[in-house]
Protein backbone atom coordinates (compact mmCIF):
# COMPACT_ATOMS: atom_id res chain seq x y z
CA UNK A 1 10.16 15.39 9.10
CA UNK A 2 12.85 16.03 6.56
CA UNK A 3 16.03 17.73 7.68
CA UNK A 4 15.57 20.71 5.34
CA UNK A 5 12.09 21.44 6.70
CA UNK A 6 13.41 21.05 10.22
CA UNK A 7 16.19 23.56 9.56
CA UNK A 8 13.78 26.05 8.00
CA UNK A 9 11.60 25.88 11.09
CA UNK A 10 14.61 26.22 13.39
CA UNK A 11 15.74 29.33 11.49
CA UNK A 12 12.61 31.11 12.75
CA UNK A 13 13.84 30.81 16.34
CA UNK A 14 17.02 32.79 15.92
CA UNK A 15 15.09 35.90 14.91
CA UNK A 16 12.65 35.87 17.82
CA UNK A 17 14.05 37.74 20.82
CA UNK A 18 11.14 36.64 23.02
CA UNK A 19 12.42 33.07 23.13
CA UNK A 20 14.47 31.95 26.10
CA UNK A 21 16.52 28.83 26.60
CA UNK A 22 13.41 27.14 28.06
CA UNK A 23 11.34 27.85 24.96
CA UNK A 24 14.14 26.53 22.78
CA UNK A 25 14.53 23.38 24.87
CA UNK A 26 10.82 22.61 24.51
CA UNK A 27 10.82 23.40 20.78
CA UNK A 28 13.81 21.17 20.14
CA UNK A 29 12.17 18.35 22.10
CA UNK A 30 9.02 18.73 19.97
CA UNK A 31 11.07 18.82 16.77
CA UNK A 32 13.00 15.73 17.88
CA UNK A 33 9.71 13.88 18.25
CA UNK A 34 8.58 15.17 14.84
CA UNK A 35 11.77 13.94 13.24
CA UNK A 36 11.48 10.51 14.88
CA UNK A 37 7.84 10.22 13.80
CA UNK A 38 8.68 11.49 10.29
CA UNK A 39 6.01 14.14 10.63
CA UNK A 40 6.08 17.73 9.49
CA UNK A 41 2.92 19.22 11.00
CA UNK A 42 1.08 16.88 13.38
CA UNK A 43 3.09 15.29 16.16
CA UNK A 44 1.85 12.86 18.78
CA UNK A 45 3.27 13.88 22.15
CA UNK A 46 3.14 13.29 25.86
CA UNK A 47 4.11 15.81 28.50
CA UNK A 48 6.46 13.36 30.15
CA UNK A 49 8.35 12.71 26.90
CA UNK A 50 8.69 16.43 26.11
CA UNK A 51 9.93 17.10 29.64
CA UNK A 52 12.41 14.24 29.40
CA UNK A 53 13.83 15.36 26.04
CA UNK A 54 13.96 19.04 26.99
CA UNK A 55 15.42 18.47 30.47
CA UNK A 56 12.68 20.65 31.97
CA UNK A 57 12.17 19.11 35.39
CA UNK A 58 9.36 21.10 36.98
CA UNK A 59 5.72 21.33 35.97
CA UNK A 60 5.38 25.09 36.53
CA UNK A 61 8.34 25.77 34.22
CA UNK A 62 6.99 23.37 31.59
CA UNK A 63 3.49 24.85 31.65
CA UNK A 64 4.66 28.46 31.58
CA UNK A 65 6.93 28.12 28.56
CA UNK A 66 4.72 25.62 26.73
CA UNK A 67 1.80 28.06 27.02
CA UNK A 68 3.98 30.90 25.75
CA UNK A 69 4.95 28.84 22.69
CA UNK A 70 1.24 28.58 21.93
CA UNK A 71 0.73 32.30 22.54
CA UNK A 72 3.70 33.18 20.30
CA UNK A 73 2.18 31.15 17.46
CA UNK A 74 4.74 28.38 17.19
CA UNK A 75 2.47 25.47 18.11
CA UNK A 76 -1.18 24.53 18.45
CA UNK A 77 -1.78 21.98 21.20
CA UNK A 78 -4.75 19.61 21.30
CA UNK A 79 -4.80 17.67 24.57
CA UNK A 80 -6.07 14.14 24.85
CA UNK A 81 -7.75 13.36 28.11
CA UNK A 82 -7.84 9.64 27.36
CA UNK A 83 -4.93 7.69 28.85
CA UNK A 84 -4.69 5.49 25.77
CA UNK A 85 -4.29 8.33 23.29
CA UNK A 86 -1.50 10.85 23.00
CA UNK A 87 -2.01 14.57 22.72
CA UNK A 88 -1.24 16.31 19.45
CA UNK A 89 0.87 19.32 18.55
CA UNK A 90 0.58 21.05 15.22
CA UNK A 91 3.60 23.11 14.15
CA UNK A 92 2.41 26.47 12.93
CA UNK A 93 4.14 28.61 10.39
CA UNK A 94 5.35 31.80 12.00
CA UNK A 95 3.91 34.91 10.45
């Protein structure tokens, strides 16, 4: 992911009053993974890595705010139930 695309996506967050510090922590963890993978839309993720990068330490907190990010239209999550394959997040353009 290029820095300019990353900054454009981040600029959407400042306008959304629904987002809390937990949403932002998860989003920044996802964007960190996108940047490291040099991806703009599809990012390979694992729950443990997102939790580690975001400093979210409890599963209920992670699941609540991760689900809300999906409901708010920031991400689309496709889980992988195979231990050898990572799940995928697609960054959605906010409407």
